[in-house]
């Protein structure tokens, strides 16, 4: 049974054990469980795709019911 130590902020940690592997990627900003992906549209060779950086609800910048950006890309959207 794999276990991992999660930083839950304010100097506190939690130990989480599961039967399988990690279900969601950690947030690229704070390291907590992600759950959301950045929806910023890419250009150039990756045109038609989105950033897909893993982000948690606390770090995501929501621009609608189904649109979330990582903080870096949120600054680029008017």
N, C-alpha and C. Protein backbone atom coordinates (compact mmCIF):
# COMPACT_ATOMS: atom_id res chain seq x y z
N UNK A 1 0.85 -1.16 0.00
CA UNK A 1 0.00 0.00 0.00
C UNK A 1 0.90 1.24 0.00
N UNK A 2 0.95 2.00 -1.13
CA UNK A 2 1.80 3.18 -1.17
C UNK A 2 1.25 4.31 -0.31
N UNK A 3 2.13 5.00 0.38
CA UNK A 3 1.75 6.14 1.20
C UNK A 3 2.58 7.34 0.77
N UNK A 4 2.01 8.52 0.92
CA UNK A 4 2.75 9.73 0.61
C UNK A 4 2.42 10.81 1.62
N UNK A 5 3.35 11.72 1.77
CA UNK A 5 3.21 12.83 2.70
C UNK A 5 2.77 14.06 1.90
N UNK A 6 1.64 14.65 2.28
CA UNK A 6 1.13 15.82 1.59
C UNK A 6 1.24 17.05 2.47
N UNK A 7 1.73 18.13 1.89
CA UNK A 7 1.79 19.41 2.59
C UNK A 7 0.41 20.05 2.48
N UNK A 8 -0.28 20.24 3.60
CA UNK A 8 -1.61 20.84 3.58
C UNK A 8 -1.59 22.29 4.04
N UNK A 9 -0.42 22.87 4.11
CA UNK A 9 -0.28 24.29 4.42
C UNK A 9 -0.10 24.58 5.89
N UNK A 10 0.37 25.78 6.17
CA UNK A 10 0.56 26.27 7.53
C UNK A 10 1.42 25.33 8.38
N UNK A 11 2.41 24.71 7.75
CA UNK A 11 3.33 23.82 8.46
C UNK A 11 2.74 22.47 8.83
N UNK A 12 1.58 22.14 8.28
CA UNK A 12 0.93 20.87 8.60
C UNK A 12 1.07 19.91 7.41
N UNK A 13 1.12 18.61 7.75
CA UNK A 13 1.25 17.56 6.75
C UNK A 13 0.24 16.46 7.04
N UNK A 14 -0.12 15.72 6.00
CA UNK A 14 -1.01 14.57 6.15
C UNK A 14 -0.34 13.38 5.47
N UNK A 15 -0.53 12.20 6.02
CA UNK A 15 -0.06 10.97 5.40
C UNK A 15 -1.27 10.31 4.75
N UNK A 16 -1.17 10.06 3.45
CA UNK A 16 -2.27 9.47 2.70
C UNK A 16 -1.79 8.16 2.11
N UNK A 17 -2.52 7.09 2.41
CA UNK A 17 -2.20 5.76 1.88
C UNK A 17 -3.35 5.28 1.01
N UNK A 18 -3.01 4.57 -0.06
CA UNK A 18 -4.05 4.05 -0.95
C UNK A 18 -3.61 2.70 -1.50
N UNK A 19 -4.55 2.01 -2.09
CA UNK A 19 -4.25 0.71 -2.70
C UNK A 19 -3.60 0.87 -4.06
N UNK A 20 -3.97 1.91 -4.77
CA UNK A 20 -3.43 2.12 -6.11
C UNK A 20 -2.47 3.27 -6.14
N UNK A 21 -2.09 3.65 -7.35
CA UNK A 21 -1.20 4.79 -7.51
C UNK A 21 -1.94 6.10 -7.28
N UNK A 22 -1.23 7.18 -7.42
CA UNK A 22 -1.80 8.50 -7.22
C UNK A 22 -2.84 8.76 -8.31
N UNK A 23 -4.03 9.18 -7.92
CA UNK A 23 -5.11 9.38 -8.88
C UNK A 23 -5.03 10.71 -9.59
N UNK A 24 -4.57 11.75 -8.91
CA UNK A 24 -4.43 13.05 -9.55
C UNK A 24 -3.00 13.54 -9.38
N UNK A 25 -2.56 14.28 -10.36
CA UNK A 25 -1.22 14.86 -10.27
C UNK A 25 -1.23 15.96 -9.22
N UNK A 26 -0.12 16.19 -8.57
CA UNK A 26 -0.08 17.29 -7.60
C UNK A 26 -0.13 18.64 -8.32
N UNK A 27 -0.64 19.62 -7.63
CA UNK A 27 -0.70 20.98 -8.15
C UNK A 27 0.72 21.46 -8.46
N UNK A 28 0.91 22.00 -9.63
CA UNK A 28 2.24 22.49 -10.04
C UNK A 28 2.67 23.71 -9.26
N UNK A 29 1.74 24.36 -8.55
CA UNK A 29 2.06 25.57 -7.81
C UNK A 29 2.38 25.25 -6.35
N UNK A 30 1.48 24.52 -5.66
CA UNK A 30 1.64 24.31 -4.22
C UNK A 30 1.92 22.87 -3.81
N UNK A 31 1.72 21.91 -4.72
CA UNK A 31 2.00 20.51 -4.41
C UNK A 31 0.83 19.73 -3.84
N UNK A 32 -0.26 20.39 -3.52
CA UNK A 32 -1.45 19.68 -3.04
C UNK A 32 -2.06 18.91 -4.20
N UNK A 33 -2.99 17.98 -3.93
CA UNK A 33 -3.64 17.26 -5.03
C UNK A 33 -4.28 18.24 -6.01
N UNK A 34 -4.01 18.03 -7.29
CA UNK A 34 -4.49 18.95 -8.33
C UNK A 34 -5.97 18.86 -8.60
N UNK A 35 -6.36 18.05 -9.54
CA UNK A 35 -7.77 17.89 -9.87
C UNK A 35 -8.24 18.74 -11.03
N UNK A 36 -7.57 19.84 -11.32
CA UNK A 36 -7.93 20.70 -12.44
C UNK A 36 -6.74 20.81 -13.38
N UNK A 37 -7.02 21.16 -14.63
CA UNK A 37 -5.97 21.37 -15.62
C UNK A 37 -6.13 22.76 -16.22
N UNK A 38 -5.02 23.43 -16.49
CA UNK A 38 -5.05 24.76 -17.09
C UNK A 38 -5.62 24.67 -18.50
N UNK A 39 -6.58 25.55 -18.82
CA UNK A 39 -7.27 25.55 -20.11
C UNK A 39 -6.71 26.57 -21.09
N UNK A 40 -5.54 27.14 -20.81
CA UNK A 40 -4.97 28.16 -21.69
C UNK A 40 -4.63 27.54 -23.04
N UNK A 41 -5.12 28.13 -24.15
CA UNK A 41 -4.81 27.58 -25.48
C UNK A 41 -3.38 27.87 -25.89
N UNK A 42 -2.71 26.86 -26.41
CA UNK A 42 -1.32 26.98 -26.84
C UNK A 42 -1.26 27.40 -28.31
N UNK A 43 -0.12 27.93 -28.72
CA UNK A 43 0.08 28.34 -30.11
C UNK A 43 1.30 27.63 -30.67
N UNK A 44 1.60 27.91 -31.92
CA UNK A 44 2.78 27.31 -32.57
C UNK A 44 2.57 25.84 -32.86
N UNK A 45 3.58 25.03 -32.60
CA UNK A 45 3.52 23.59 -32.88
C UNK A 45 2.42 22.90 -32.08
N UNK A 46 2.06 23.45 -30.93
CA UNK A 46 1.06 22.83 -30.06
C UNK A 46 -0.32 23.49 -30.20
N UNK A 47 -0.54 24.22 -31.29
CA UNK A 47 -1.81 24.89 -31.50
C UNK A 47 -2.95 23.87 -31.51
N UNK A 48 -4.05 24.22 -30.87
CA UNK A 48 -5.18 23.31 -30.76
C UNK A 48 -5.17 22.52 -29.46
N UNK A 49 -4.09 22.61 -28.71
CA UNK A 49 -3.99 21.94 -27.41
C UNK A 49 -4.04 23.00 -26.31
N UNK A 50 -4.19 22.54 -25.07
CA UNK A 50 -4.17 23.46 -23.94
C UNK A 50 -2.98 23.17 -23.05
N UNK A 51 -2.67 24.09 -22.15
CA UNK A 51 -1.53 23.98 -21.26
C UNK A 51 -1.57 22.68 -20.45
N UNK A 52 -2.71 22.37 -19.85
CA UNK A 52 -2.92 21.15 -19.06
C UNK A 52 -2.02 21.04 -17.83
N UNK A 53 -1.52 22.16 -17.33
CA UNK A 53 -0.75 22.15 -16.08
C UNK A 53 -1.69 21.79 -14.94
N UNK A 54 -1.31 20.86 -14.11
CA UNK A 54 -2.14 20.42 -13.00
C UNK A 54 -2.21 21.51 -11.93
N UNK A 55 -3.43 21.90 -11.54
CA UNK A 55 -3.63 22.94 -10.54
C UNK A 55 -4.76 22.54 -9.59
N UNK A 56 -4.67 23.00 -8.35
CA UNK A 56 -5.73 22.74 -7.37
C UNK A 56 -6.72 23.90 -7.39
N UNK A 57 -7.84 23.75 -6.72
CA UNK A 57 -8.86 24.80 -6.69
C UNK A 57 -8.35 26.09 -6.05
N UNK A 58 -7.45 25.98 -5.07
CA UNK A 58 -6.92 27.18 -4.41
C UNK A 58 -6.01 27.98 -5.32
N UNK A 59 -5.26 27.33 -6.18
CA UNK A 59 -4.31 28.03 -7.05
C UNK A 59 -4.91 28.40 -8.41
N UNK A 60 -5.99 27.76 -8.81
CA UNK A 60 -6.60 28.01 -10.11
C UNK A 60 -7.27 29.39 -10.13
N UNK A 61 -7.22 30.01 -11.30
CA UNK A 61 -7.94 31.27 -11.53
C UNK A 61 -9.07 30.91 -12.48
N UNK A 62 -10.30 30.91 -11.98
CA UNK A 62 -11.47 30.52 -12.77
C UNK A 62 -12.00 31.70 -13.57
N UNK A 63 -12.30 31.46 -14.81
CA UNK A 63 -12.86 32.48 -15.70
C UNK A 63 -14.19 32.01 -16.29
N UNK A 64 -14.92 31.26 -15.54
CA UNK A 64 -16.20 30.74 -15.99
C UNK A 64 -16.42 29.38 -15.35
N UNK A 65 -17.59 28.80 -15.59
CA UNK A 65 -17.89 27.53 -14.92
C UNK A 65 -16.98 26.37 -15.33
N UNK A 66 -16.41 26.42 -16.51
CA UNK A 66 -15.58 25.30 -16.99
C UNK A 66 -14.21 25.76 -17.47
N UNK A 67 -13.79 26.98 -17.14
CA UNK A 67 -12.51 27.49 -17.61
C UNK A 67 -11.64 27.87 -16.42
N UNK A 68 -10.50 27.21 -16.31
CA UNK A 68 -9.56 27.46 -15.22
C UNK A 68 -8.16 27.64 -15.81
N UNK A 69 -7.43 28.62 -15.27
CA UNK A 69 -6.07 28.87 -15.72
C UNK A 69 -5.10 28.75 -14.55
N UNK A 70 -3.88 28.36 -14.86
CA UNK A 70 -2.81 28.43 -13.86
C UNK A 70 -2.50 29.91 -13.67
N UNK A 71 -1.91 30.31 -12.54
CA UNK A 71 -1.65 31.72 -12.30
C UNK A 71 -0.81 32.40 -13.40
N UNK A 72 0.14 31.68 -13.97
CA UNK A 72 0.98 32.24 -15.02
C UNK A 72 0.16 32.63 -16.24
N UNK A 73 -0.70 31.72 -16.68
CA UNK A 73 -1.51 32.01 -17.88
C UNK A 73 -2.67 32.94 -17.58
N UNK A 74 -3.17 32.97 -16.36
CA UNK A 74 -4.26 33.88 -16.01
C UNK A 74 -3.83 35.33 -16.22
N UNK A 75 -2.54 35.63 -15.98
CA UNK A 75 -2.02 36.99 -16.19
C UNK A 75 -1.96 37.36 -17.67
N UNK A 76 -2.02 36.38 -18.55
CA UNK A 76 -1.92 36.63 -19.99
C UNK A 76 -3.28 36.79 -20.66
N UNK A 77 -4.34 36.52 -19.93
CA UNK A 77 -5.69 36.59 -20.48
C UNK A 77 -6.33 37.91 -20.05
N UNK A 78 -6.88 38.65 -21.01
CA UNK A 78 -7.52 39.93 -20.65
C UNK A 78 -8.75 39.77 -19.78
